[in-house]
C-alpha atoms as a PDB file:
ATOM      1  CA  UNK A   1      16.797  22.729   6.267  1.00  0.00           C
ATOM      2  CA  UNK A   2      13.667  23.659   7.994  1.00  0.00           C
ATOM      3  CA  UNK A   3      10.200  22.049   7.412  1.00  0.00           C
ATOM      4  CA  UNK A   4       9.045  24.966   5.048  1.00  0.00           C
ATOM      5  CA  UNK A   5      11.608  24.096   2.510  1.00  0.00           C
ATOM      6  CA  UNK A   6      10.810  20.332   2.880  1.00  0.00           C
ATOM      7  CA  UNK A   7       7.227  21.162   2.301  1.00  0.00           C
ATOM      8  CA  UNK A   8       8.045  23.118  -0.728  1.00  0.00           C
ATOM      9  CA  UNK A   9      10.135  20.309  -2.183  1.00  0.00           C
ATOM     10  CA  UNK A  10       7.328  17.706  -1.402  1.00  0.00           C
ATOM     11  CA  UNK A  11       4.601  19.920  -2.942  1.00  0.00           C
ATOM     12  CA  UNK A  12       6.590  20.466  -6.124  1.00  0.00           C
ATOM     13  CA  UNK A  13       7.572  16.647  -6.187  1.00  0.00           C
ATOM     14  CA  UNK A  14       3.692  15.816  -5.855  1.00  0.00           C
ATOM     15  CA  UNK A  15       2.738  18.154  -8.732  1.00  0.00           C
ATOM     16  CA  UNK A  16       5.617  16.886 -11.007  1.00  0.00           C
ATOM     17  CA  UNK A  17       4.784  13.146 -10.432  1.00  0.00           C
ATOM     18  CA  UNK A  18       1.073  13.770 -10.589  1.00  0.00           C
ATOM     19  CA  UNK A  19       1.370  15.400 -14.130  1.00  0.00           C
ATOM     20  CA  UNK A  20       3.662  12.585 -15.214  1.00  0.00           C
ATOM     21  CA  UNK A  21       1.051  10.017 -14.162  1.00  0.00           C
ATOM     22  CA  UNK A  22      -1.772  11.942 -15.795  1.00  0.00           C
ATOM     23  CA  UNK A  23       0.090  12.227 -18.989  1.00  0.00           C
ATOM     24  CA  UNK A  24       1.116   8.564 -19.112  1.00  0.00           C
ATOM     25  CA  UNK A  25       4.890   9.097 -18.537  1.00  0.00           C
ATOM     26  CA  UNK A  26       4.913   8.014 -14.833  1.00  0.00           C
ATOM     27  CA  UNK A  27       4.356   4.431 -15.039  1.00  0.00           C
ATOM     28  CA  UNK A  28       7.708   3.761 -13.076  1.00  0.00           C
ATOM     29  CA  UNK A  29       6.014   5.234  -9.989  1.00  0.00           C
ATOM     30  CA  UNK A  30       3.533   2.520 -10.004  1.00  0.00           C
ATOM     31  CA  UNK A  31       5.660  -0.379 -10.029  1.00  0.00           C
ATOM     32  CA  UNK A  32       5.615  -2.543  -7.072  1.00  0.00           C
ATOM     33  CA  UNK A  33       6.646  -6.119  -5.786  1.00  0.00           C
ATOM     34  CA  UNK A  34       3.828  -7.996  -7.353  1.00  0.00           C
ATOM     35  CA  UNK A  35       3.504  -6.184 -10.716  1.00  0.00           C
ATOM     36  CA  UNK A  36       2.510  -9.275 -12.564  1.00  0.00           C
ATOM     37  CA  UNK A  37      -0.361 -10.032 -10.199  1.00  0.00           C
ATOM     38  CA  UNK A  38      -1.351  -6.238 -10.261  1.00  0.00           C
ATOM     39  CA  UNK A  39      -1.433  -6.245 -14.140  1.00  0.00           C
ATOM     40  CA  UNK A  40      -3.776  -9.285 -14.077  1.00  0.00           C
ATOM     41  CA  UNK A  41      -6.101  -7.789 -11.522  1.00  0.00           C
ATOM     42  CA  UNK A  42      -6.191  -3.863 -12.257  1.00  0.00           C
ATOM     43  CA  UNK A  43      -6.487  -1.595 -15.169  1.00  0.00           C
ATOM     44  CA  UNK A  44      -3.039   0.218 -14.949  1.00  0.00           C
ATOM     45  CA  UNK A  45      -4.155   3.133 -17.153  1.00  0.00           C
ATOM     46  CA  UNK A  46      -7.041   3.900 -14.569  1.00  0.00           C
ATOM     47  CA  UNK A  47      -4.702   3.386 -11.767  1.00  0.00           C
ATOM     48  CA  UNK A  48      -2.153   5.863 -13.162  1.00  0.00           C
ATOM     49  CA  UNK A  49      -4.844   8.535 -13.851  1.00  0.00           C
ATOM     50  CA  UNK A  50      -6.260   8.139 -10.324  1.00  0.00           C
ATOM     51  CA  UNK A  51      -2.926   8.219  -8.643  1.00  0.00           C
ATOM     52  CA  UNK A  52      -2.108  11.361 -10.735  1.00  0.00           C
ATOM     53  CA  UNK A  53      -5.289  13.089  -9.649  1.00  0.00           C
ATOM     54  CA  UNK A  54      -4.611  12.229  -6.092  1.00  0.00           C
ATOM     55  CA  UNK A  55      -1.095  13.472  -6.142  1.00  0.00           C
ATOM     56  CA  UNK A  56      -2.118  16.728  -7.611  1.00  0.00           C
ATOM     57  CA  UNK A  57      -4.884  17.126  -5.080  1.00  0.00           C
ATOM     58  CA  UNK A  58      -2.120  16.376  -2.399  1.00  0.00           C
ATOM     59  CA  UNK A  59       0.111  18.984  -3.982  1.00  0.00           C
ATOM     60  CA  UNK A  60      -2.711  21.565  -3.973  1.00  0.00           C
ATOM     61  CA  UNK A  61      -3.588  20.798  -0.237  1.00  0.00           C
ATOM     62  CA  UNK A  62       0.142  21.049   0.678  1.00  0.00           C
ATOM     63  CA  UNK A  63       0.610  24.286  -1.218  1.00  0.00           C
ATOM     64  CA  UNK A  64      -2.373  25.816   0.709  1.00  0.00           C
ATOM     65  CA  UNK A  65      -0.799  24.655   4.011  1.00  0.00           C
ATOM     66  CA  UNK A  66       2.321  26.367   3.285  1.00  0.00           C
ATOM     67  CA  UNK A  67       0.602  29.757   3.702  1.00  0.00           C
ATOM     68  CA  UNK A  68      -1.432  28.903   6.917  1.00  0.00           C
ATOM     69  CA  UNK A  69      -0.306  28.764  10.498  1.00  0.00           C
ATOM     70  CA  UNK A  70      -3.406  28.194  12.503  1.00  0.00           C
ATOM     71  CA  UNK A  71      -4.151  24.974  14.343  1.00  0.00           C
ATOM     72  CA  UNK A  72      -7.562  24.562  12.558  1.00  0.00           C
ATOM     73  CA  UNK A  73      -5.885  24.691   9.249  1.00  0.00           C
ATOM     74  CA  UNK A  74      -3.320  22.114  10.184  1.00  0.00           C
ATOM     75  CA  UNK A  75      -6.205  19.868  11.376  1.00  0.00           C
ATOM     76  CA  UNK A  76      -8.127  20.525   8.164  1.00  0.00           C
ATOM     77  CA  UNK A  77      -4.780  19.604   6.254  1.00  0.00           C
ATOM     78  CA  UNK A  78      -4.639  16.192   7.962  1.00  0.00           C
ATOM     79  CA  UNK A  79      -8.228  15.577   7.343  1.00  0.00           C
ATOM     80  CA  UNK A  80      -8.102  16.521   3.702  1.00  0.00           C
ATOM     81  CA  UNK A  81      -5.026  14.286   3.265  1.00  0.00           C
ATOM     82  CA  UNK A  82      -6.947  11.433   4.718  1.00  0.00           C
ATOM     83  CA  UNK A  83      -9.906  11.969   2.626  1.00  0.00           C
ATOM     84  CA  UNK A  84      -7.736  12.128  -0.563  1.00  0.00           C
ATOM     85  CA  UNK A  85      -5.983   8.800   0.480  1.00  0.00           C
ATOM     86  CA  UNK A  86      -9.209   6.991   1.434  1.00  0.00           C
ATOM     87  CA  UNK A  87     -10.887   8.214  -1.810  1.00  0.00           C
ATOM     88  CA  UNK A  88      -7.993   6.890  -3.842  1.00  0.00           C
ATOM     89  CA  UNK A  89      -8.003   3.443  -2.274  1.00  0.00           C
ATOM     90  CA  UNK A  90     -11.640   3.197  -2.589  1.00  0.00           C
ATOM     91  CA  UNK A  91     -11.551   4.157  -6.242  1.00  0.00           C
ATOM     92  CA  UNK A  92      -8.737   1.755  -6.961  1.00  0.00           C
ATOM     93  CA  UNK A  93     -10.677  -1.116  -5.257  1.00  0.00           C
ATOM     94  CA  UNK A  94     -14.032  -0.335  -6.848  1.00  0.00           C
ATOM     95  CA  UNK A  95     -13.247   1.155 -10.148  1.00  0.00           C
ATOM     96  CA  UNK A  96      -9.885  -0.122 -11.397  1.00  0.00           C
ATOM     97  CA  UNK A  97     -10.510  -3.774 -11.203  1.00  0.00           C
ATOM     98  CA  UNK A  98     -10.621  -5.553 -14.493  1.00  0.00           C
END
């Protein structure tokens, strides 16, 4: 198995899980060790929607990365992933608290 097939699998998985989270059927993907504390502090519906959008964006960026080979695009891919993750964390900390 080479890295291209792994990237395809991860891209498809990101799209599927992202769509499940956006439609409200992917709550199982948000369960963690301290789910009771998380339920008290955060709005789970907003968390699911934000995580779904972030995963779909990651899937789009990963799909674009499949078709590019230049080093500049690889650096832009990593930068885009970091921006998406930092944006998700900031949104969760600022907008999803009860």
